[in-house]
Amino acid sequence: MGKVVFDKEEKNKVKQPLIRLVTIKTISNFFYRNSTFLVAVCLTITFIGYLFLVMMSKSTGFELSDSNIKSLGTSFGFDKADIVLFLATRTKEMIEAYINFNQIWDTLFGLIYGLMYVVWVSVLFKPFSKKVGVLNLFPFIQVLFDWLENYTLAAVANQYLADGVFSSVNAKLASIFSIFKWLCSGLTLTLILIGGILVIAQAIKNKRQF
């Protein structure tokens, strides 16, 4: 009896990673099937519109014209001194606006650019989907780090408002998330560039065959 229960537990342990893998593959295939150049362009227009009409508007609530750091999230990493300077030079209302920006508007921005990048990668790598597999979902990793950074910085800002100090651990984590976010951004743009080159090369090759 004990052996049967043990065998069932072992089978369940094996099934769980397989289910997760199948789910990721299903999502990847969904984007390969439904992503088109038109959808990619529409999402790009949405991205640009949101950036200029929403992000730039909402960021005015906490930006200082004479500050070197407009927003911590735009830096490639930062240290505790940067966070102290950023928060200490702003009023309570400005810090609250910054928290709100991170938790709502920048979170939505991550979803928008994540979908845009995934669709572009899916369109460009669609002819090679069997070889590259779930690579088209890579931009979502950048979104994940962006969200982690946003909510960690919001936690730091909330703690600063409440206590006048904040956790060094959270400050370090936010910086690490920021660095990984920008590294993933660079890799995503590299993927799009490579995909574009591959599509052009394939088109030239097909043209020569006729």
C-alpha atoms as a PDB file:
ATOM      1  CA  MET A   1       0.000   0.000   0.000  1.00  0.00           C
ATOM      2  CA  GLY A   2       2.802   2.383   0.990  1.00  0.00           C
ATOM      3  CA  LYS A   3       4.628   1.612  -2.260  1.00  0.00           C
ATOM      4  CA  VAL A   4       1.519   2.414  -4.336  1.00  0.00           C
ATOM      5  CA  VAL A   5       1.134   5.805  -2.619  1.00  0.00           C
ATOM      6  CA  PHE A   6       4.844   6.513  -3.140  1.00  0.00           C
ATOM      7  CA  ASP A   7       4.584   5.629  -6.843  1.00  0.00           C
ATOM      8  CA  LYS A   8       1.596   7.958  -7.262  1.00  0.00           C
ATOM      9  CA  GLU A   9       3.489  10.810  -5.603  1.00  0.00           C
ATOM     10  CA  GLU A  10       6.472  10.240  -7.896  1.00  0.00           C
ATOM     11  CA  LYS A  11       4.213  10.240 -10.973  1.00  0.00           C
ATOM     12  CA  ASN A  12       2.576  13.489  -9.834  1.00  0.00           C
ATOM     13  CA  LYS A  13       6.010  15.093  -9.425  1.00  0.00           C
ATOM     14  CA  VAL A  14       6.872  14.132 -13.001  1.00  0.00           C
ATOM     15  CA  LYS A  15       3.509  15.311 -14.379  1.00  0.00           C
ATOM     16  CA  GLN A  16       3.660  18.822 -12.875  1.00  0.00           C
ATOM     17  CA  PRO A  17       6.729  20.057 -14.844  1.00  0.00           C
ATOM     18  CA  LEU A  18       5.295  18.450 -17.997  1.00  0.00           C
ATOM     19  CA  ILE A  19       1.989  20.288 -17.537  1.00  0.00           C
ATOM     20  CA  ARG A  20       3.841  23.588 -17.095  1.00  0.00           C
ATOM     21  CA  LEU A  21       5.925  22.886 -20.211  1.00  0.00           C
ATOM     22  CA  VAL A  22       2.833  22.046 -22.268  1.00  0.00           C
ATOM     23  CA  THR A  23       1.124  25.245 -21.058  1.00  0.00           C
ATOM     24  CA  ILE A  24       4.109  27.400 -22.062  1.00  0.00           C
ATOM     25  CA  LYS A  25       4.262  25.643 -25.434  1.00  0.00           C
ATOM     26  CA  THR A  26       0.531  26.241 -25.962  1.00  0.00           C
ATOM     27  CA  ILE A  27       0.916  29.966 -25.246  1.00  0.00           C
ATOM     28  CA  SER A  28       3.925  30.134 -27.549  1.00  0.00           C
ATOM     29  CA  ASN A  29       2.009  28.442 -30.379  1.00  0.00           C
ATOM     30  CA  PHE A  30      -0.936  30.790 -29.826  1.00  0.00           C
ATOM     31  CA  PHE A  31       1.278  33.801 -30.521  1.00  0.00           C
ATOM     32  CA  TYR A  32       2.931  32.138 -33.528  1.00  0.00           C
ATOM     33  CA  ARG A  33      -0.494  31.383 -35.026  1.00  0.00           C
ATOM     34  CA  ASN A  34      -2.171  34.716 -34.356  1.00  0.00           C
ATOM     35  CA  SER A  35       0.651  37.237 -34.676  1.00  0.00           C
ATOM     36  CA  THR A  36       0.673  39.224 -37.904  1.00  0.00           C
ATOM     37  CA  PHE A  37       2.535  42.268 -39.167  1.00  0.00           C
ATOM     38  CA  LEU A  38      -0.664  44.325 -38.812  1.00  0.00           C
ATOM     39  CA  VAL A  39      -1.137  43.286 -35.168  1.00  0.00           C
ATOM     40  CA  ALA A  40       2.514  44.123 -34.463  1.00  0.00           C
ATOM     41  CA  VAL A  41       2.140  47.588 -36.002  1.00  0.00           C
ATOM     42  CA  CYS A  42      -1.088  48.247 -34.060  1.00  0.00           C
ATOM     43  CA  LEU A  43       0.581  47.261 -30.788  1.00  0.00           C
ATOM     44  CA  THR A  44       3.572  49.468 -31.638  1.00  0.00           C
ATOM     45  CA  ILE A  45       1.239  52.442 -32.181  1.00  0.00           C
ATOM     46  CA  THR A  46      -0.478  51.629 -28.867  1.00  0.00           C
ATOM     47  CA  PHE A  47       2.928  51.454 -27.163  1.00  0.00           C
ATOM     48  CA  ILE A  48       4.002  54.847 -28.533  1.00  0.00           C
ATOM     49  CA  GLY A  49       0.641  56.415 -27.694  1.00  0.00           C
ATOM     50  CA  TYR A  50       0.678  55.084 -24.137  1.00  0.00           C
ATOM     51  CA  LEU A  51       4.279  56.248 -23.653  1.00  0.00           C
ATOM     52  CA  PHE A  52       3.617  59.836 -24.720  1.00  0.00           C
ATOM     53  CA  LEU A  53       0.004  60.320 -23.630  1.00  0.00           C
ATOM     54  CA  VAL A  54      -0.037  58.374 -20.350  1.00  0.00           C
ATOM     55  CA  MET A  55       3.461  57.652 -19.039  1.00  0.00           C
ATOM     56  CA  MET A  56       4.879  61.125 -19.652  1.00  0.00           C
ATOM     57  CA  SER A  57       1.732  62.722 -18.246  1.00  0.00           C
ATOM     58  CA  LYS A  58       1.608  60.613 -15.086  1.00  0.00           C
ATOM     59  CA  SER A  59       5.347  60.995 -14.409  1.00  0.00           C
ATOM     60  CA  THR A  60       5.028  64.781 -14.039  1.00  0.00           C
ATOM     61  CA  GLY A  61       3.549  64.164 -10.594  1.00  0.00           C
ATOM     62  CA  PHE A  62       6.951  63.180  -9.179  1.00  0.00           C
ATOM     63  CA  GLU A  63       9.565  64.502 -11.626  1.00  0.00           C
ATOM     64  CA  LEU A  64      11.890  67.385 -10.777  1.00  0.00           C
ATOM     65  CA  SER A  65      13.178  69.513 -13.645  1.00  0.00           C
ATOM     66  CA  ASP A  66      16.650  69.922 -12.085  1.00  0.00           C
ATOM     67  CA  SER A  67      17.035  66.285 -11.001  1.00  0.00           C
ATOM     68  CA  ASN A  68      19.562  63.960 -12.658  1.00  0.00           C
ATOM     69  CA  ILE A  69      17.292  60.959 -12.007  1.00  0.00           C
ATOM     70  CA  LYS A  70      13.772  61.431 -13.404  1.00  0.00           C
ATOM     71  CA  SER A  71      12.717  57.948 -12.311  1.00  0.00           C
ATOM     72  CA  LEU A  72      14.738  55.170 -10.684  1.00  0.00           C
ATOM     73  CA  GLY A  73      13.352  52.630 -13.163  1.00  0.00           C
ATOM     74  CA  THR A  74      15.086  54.357 -16.085  1.00  0.00           C
ATOM     75  CA  SER A  75      18.520  53.761 -14.546  1.00  0.00           C
ATOM     76  CA  PHE A  76      20.668  50.709 -15.235  1.00  0.00           C
ATOM     77  CA  GLY A  77      20.792  49.808 -11.574  1.00  0.00           C
ATOM     78  CA  PHE A  78      21.137  52.188  -8.629  1.00  0.00           C
ATOM     79  CA  ASP A  79      22.450  52.168  -5.078  1.00  0.00           C
ATOM     80  CA  LYS A  80      20.969  53.138  -1.715  1.00  0.00           C
ATOM     81  CA  ALA A  81      22.356  56.676  -1.995  1.00  0.00           C
ATOM     82  CA  ASP A  82      20.505  57.176  -5.297  1.00  0.00           C
ATOM     83  CA  ILE A  83      17.222  56.097  -3.687  1.00  0.00           C
ATOM     84  CA  VAL A  84      17.781  58.338  -0.648  1.00  0.00           C
ATOM     85  CA  LEU A  85      18.500  61.322  -2.925  1.00  0.00           C
ATOM     86  CA  PHE A  86      15.473  60.537  -5.099  1.00  0.00           C
ATOM     87  CA  LEU A  87      13.053  60.296  -2.165  1.00  0.00           C
ATOM     88  CA  ALA A  88      14.540  63.014   0.060  1.00  0.00           C
ATOM     89  CA  THR A  89      14.182  65.690  -2.628  1.00  0.00           C
ATOM     90  CA  ARG A  90      10.468  64.982  -3.115  1.00  0.00           C
ATOM     91  CA  THR A  91       7.395  65.859  -1.098  1.00  0.00           C
ATOM     92  CA  LYS A  92       5.014  63.294   0.419  1.00  0.00           C
ATOM     93  CA  GLU A  93       2.535  63.921  -2.420  1.00  0.00           C
ATOM     94  CA  MET A  94       5.239  63.390  -5.063  1.00  0.00           C
ATOM     95  CA  ILE A  95       6.361  60.114  -3.471  1.00  0.00           C
ATOM     96  CA  GLU A  96       2.738  58.931  -3.330  1.00  0.00           C
ATOM     97  CA  ALA A  97       2.403  59.823  -7.023  1.00  0.00           C
ATOM     98  CA  TYR A  98       5.567  57.782  -7.683  1.00  0.00           C
ATOM     99  CA  ILE A  99       4.159  54.774  -5.827  1.00  0.00           C
ATOM    100  CA  ASN A 100       0.917  55.035  -7.783  1.00  0.00           C
ATOM    101  CA  PHE A 101       2.882  55.339 -11.030  1.00  0.00           C
ATOM    102  CA  ASN A 102       4.843  52.158 -10.319  1.00  0.00           C
ATOM    103  CA  GLN A 103       1.888  50.083  -9.176  1.00  0.00           C
ATOM    104  CA  ILE A 104      -0.571  51.077 -11.906  1.00  0.00           C
ATOM    105  CA  TRP A 105       0.691  52.971 -14.956  1.00  0.00           C
ATOM    106  CA  ASP A 106       4.159  51.438 -15.287  1.00  0.00           C
ATOM    107  CA  THR A 107       2.699  47.980 -14.656  1.00  0.00           C
ATOM    108  CA  LEU A 108       0.269  48.458 -17.572  1.00  0.00           C
ATOM    109  CA  PHE A 109       3.145  49.791 -19.666  1.00  0.00           C
ATOM    110  CA  GLY A 110       5.046  46.560 -19.062  1.00  0.00           C
ATOM    111  CA  LEU A 111       2.094  44.522 -20.292  1.00  0.00           C
ATOM    112  CA  ILE A 112       1.787  46.660 -23.437  1.00  0.00           C
ATOM    113  CA  TYR A 113       5.449  46.560 -24.455  1.00  0.00           C
ATOM    114  CA  GLY A 114       5.651  42.882 -23.480  1.00  0.00           C
ATOM    115  CA  LEU A 115       2.811  41.973 -25.847  1.00  0.00           C
ATOM    116  CA  MET A 116       4.303  44.196 -28.556  1.00  0.00           C
ATOM    117  CA  TYR A 117       7.713  42.533 -28.339  1.00  0.00           C
ATOM    118  CA  VAL A 118       6.239  39.012 -28.174  1.00  0.00           C
ATOM    119  CA  VAL A 119       4.153  39.652 -31.297  1.00  0.00           C
ATOM    120  CA  TRP A 120       7.120  41.116 -33.205  1.00  0.00           C
ATOM    121  CA  VAL A 121       9.353  38.166 -32.272  1.00  0.00           C
ATOM    122  CA  SER A 122       6.531  35.748 -33.163  1.00  0.00           C
ATOM    123  CA  VAL A 123       6.026  37.377 -36.579  1.00  0.00           C
ATOM    124  CA  LEU A 124       9.730  37.443 -37.436  1.00  0.00           C
ATOM    125  CA  PHE A 125      10.512  33.935 -36.182  1.00  0.00           C
ATOM    126  CA  LYS A 126       7.289  32.289 -37.381  1.00  0.00           C
ATOM    127  CA  PRO A 127       9.056  30.558 -40.331  1.00  0.00           C
ATOM    128  CA  PHE A 128      11.593  29.149 -37.855  1.00  0.00           C
ATOM    129  CA  SER A 129       9.177  28.402 -34.996  1.00  0.00           C
ATOM    130  CA  LYS A 130       9.931  24.681 -34.934  1.00  0.00           C
ATOM    131  CA  LYS A 131      13.631  25.429 -34.432  1.00  0.00           C
ATOM    132  CA  VAL A 132      13.399  28.262 -31.902  1.00  0.00           C
ATOM    133  CA  GLY A 133      10.418  26.921 -29.927  1.00  0.00           C
ATOM    134  CA  VAL A 134       9.189  29.126 -27.084  1.00  0.00           C
ATOM    135  CA  LEU A 135      11.818  31.803 -27.738  1.00  0.00           C
ATOM    136  CA  ASN A 136       9.009  34.152 -28.792  1.00  0.00           C
ATOM    137  CA  LEU A 137       7.908  34.377 -25.142  1.00  0.00           C
ATOM    138  CA  PHE A 138      11.300  35.668 -23.983  1.00  0.00           C
ATOM    139  CA  PRO A 139      10.122  39.344 -23.798  1.00  0.00           C
ATOM    140  CA  PHE A 140       7.777  38.373 -20.969  1.00  0.00           C
ATOM    141  CA  ILE A 141      10.875  37.791 -18.802  1.00  0.00           C
ATOM    142  CA  GLN A 142      11.670  41.489 -19.129  1.00  0.00           C
ATOM    143  CA  VAL A 143       8.103  42.299 -18.069  1.00  0.00           C
ATOM    144  CA  LEU A 144       8.465  40.044 -15.022  1.00  0.00           C
ATOM    145  CA  PHE A 145      11.645  41.823 -13.872  1.00  0.00           C
ATOM    146  CA  ASP A 146      10.017  45.188 -14.583  1.00  0.00           C
ATOM    147  CA  TRP A 147       7.029  44.317 -12.371  1.00  0.00           C
ATOM    148  CA  LEU A 148       9.301  43.006  -9.614  1.00  0.00           C
ATOM    149  CA  GLU A 149      11.271  46.238  -9.754  1.00  0.00           C
ATOM    150  CA  ASN A 150       8.104  48.369  -9.683  1.00  0.00           C
ATOM    151  CA  TYR A 151       6.597  46.703  -6.629  1.00  0.00           C
ATOM    152  CA  THR A 152       9.913  46.556  -4.760  1.00  0.00           C
ATOM    153  CA  LEU A 153      10.457  50.279  -5.348  1.00  0.00           C
ATOM    154  CA  ALA A 154       6.857  50.935  -4.255  1.00  0.00           C
ATOM    155  CA  ALA A 155       7.556  48.986  -1.047  1.00  0.00           C
ATOM    156  CA  VAL A 156      10.748  51.005  -0.473  1.00  0.00           C
ATOM    157  CA  ALA A 157       8.884  54.300  -1.008  1.00  0.00           C
ATOM    158  CA  ASN A 158       6.021  53.242   1.286  1.00  0.00           C
ATOM    159  CA  GLN A 159       8.480  52.284   4.027  1.00  0.00           C
ATOM    160  CA  TYR A 160      10.281  55.609   3.605  1.00  0.00           C
ATOM    161  CA  LEU A 161       7.021  57.523   4.029  1.00  0.00           C
ATOM    162  CA  ALA A 162       6.098  55.517   7.124  1.00  0.00           C
ATOM    163  CA  ASP A 163       9.465  55.320   8.906  1.00  0.00           C
ATOM    164  CA  GLY A 164      11.808  57.757   7.184  1.00  0.00           C
ATOM    165  CA  VAL A 165      14.104  54.837   6.341  1.00  0.00           C
ATOM    166  CA  PHE A 166      13.879  51.750   4.114  1.00  0.00           C
ATOM    167  CA  SER A 167      15.267  48.233   3.854  1.00  0.00           C
ATOM    168  CA  SER A 168      18.719  47.941   2.289  1.00  0.00           C
ATOM    169  CA  VAL A 169      17.754  44.468   1.083  1.00  0.00           C
ATOM    170  CA  ASN A 170      14.754  45.801  -0.835  1.00  0.00           C
ATOM    171  CA  ALA A 171      16.878  48.596  -2.289  1.00  0.00           C
ATOM    172  CA  LYS A 172      19.440  46.053  -3.518  1.00  0.00           C
ATOM    173  CA  LEU A 173      16.739  43.781  -4.922  1.00  0.00           C
ATOM    174  CA  ALA A 174      15.146  46.675  -6.816  1.00  0.00           C
ATOM    175  CA  SER A 175      18.517  47.510  -8.359  1.00  0.00           C
ATOM    176  CA  ILE A 176      19.119  43.883  -9.377  1.00  0.00           C
ATOM    177  CA  PHE A 177      15.653  43.656 -10.936  1.00  0.00           C
ATOM    178  CA  SER A 178      16.340  46.884 -12.833  1.00  0.00           C
ATOM    179  CA  ILE A 179      19.636  45.567 -14.229  1.00  0.00           C
ATOM    180  CA  PHE A 180      18.061  42.288 -15.348  1.00  0.00           C
ATOM    181  CA  LYS A 181      15.147  44.215 -16.886  1.00  0.00           C
ATOM    182  CA  TRP A 182      17.480  46.262 -19.083  1.00  0.00           C
ATOM    183  CA  LEU A 183      19.629  43.237 -19.970  1.00  0.00           C
ATOM    184  CA  CYS A 184      16.486  41.408 -21.122  1.00  0.00           C
ATOM    185  CA  SER A 185      15.452  44.510 -23.069  1.00  0.00           C
ATOM    186  CA  GLY A 186      18.769  44.482 -24.920  1.00  0.00           C
ATOM    187  CA  LEU A 187      18.437  40.768 -25.683  1.00  0.00           C
ATOM    188  CA  THR A 188      14.861  41.245 -26.923  1.00  0.00           C
ATOM    189  CA  LEU A 189      15.908  44.027 -29.306  1.00  0.00           C
ATOM    190  CA  THR A 190      18.775  41.798 -30.497  1.00  0.00           C
ATOM    191  CA  LEU A 191      16.267  39.001 -31.152  1.00  0.00           C
ATOM    192  CA  ILE A 192      14.088  41.354 -33.206  1.00  0.00           C
ATOM    193  CA  LEU A 193      17.123  42.513 -35.189  1.00  0.00           C
ATOM    194  CA  ILE A 194      18.224  38.928 -35.866  1.00  0.00           C
ATOM    195  CA  GLY A 195      14.665  37.962 -36.814  1.00  0.00           C
ATOM    196  CA  GLY A 196      14.477  40.865 -39.260  1.00  0.00           C
ATOM    197  CA  ILE A 197      17.784  39.853 -40.850  1.00  0.00           C
ATOM    198  CA  LEU A 198      16.627  36.223 -41.156  1.00  0.00           C
ATOM    199  CA  VAL A 199      13.335  37.259 -42.800  1.00  0.00           C
ATOM    200  CA  ILE A 200      15.148  39.492 -45.309  1.00  0.00           C
ATOM    201  CA  ALA A 201      17.710  36.770 -46.047  1.00  0.00           C
ATOM    202  CA  GLN A 202      14.918  34.222 -46.561  1.00  0.00           C
ATOM    203  CA  ALA A 203      13.067  36.602 -48.890  1.00  0.00           C
ATOM    204  CA  ILE A 204      16.225  37.163 -50.990  1.00  0.00           C
ATOM    205  CA  LYS A 205      16.845  33.419 -51.138  1.00  0.00           C
ATOM    206  CA  ASN A 206      13.266  32.721 -52.284  1.00  0.00           C
ATOM    207  CA  LYS A 207      13.471  35.452 -54.924  1.00  0.00           C
ATOM    208  CA  ARG A 208      16.663  33.963 -56.408  1.00  0.00           C
ATOM    209  CA  GLN A 209      15.010  30.571 -56.731  1.00  0.00           C
ATOM    210  CA  PHE A 210      12.351  31.942 -59.138  1.00  0.00           C
END
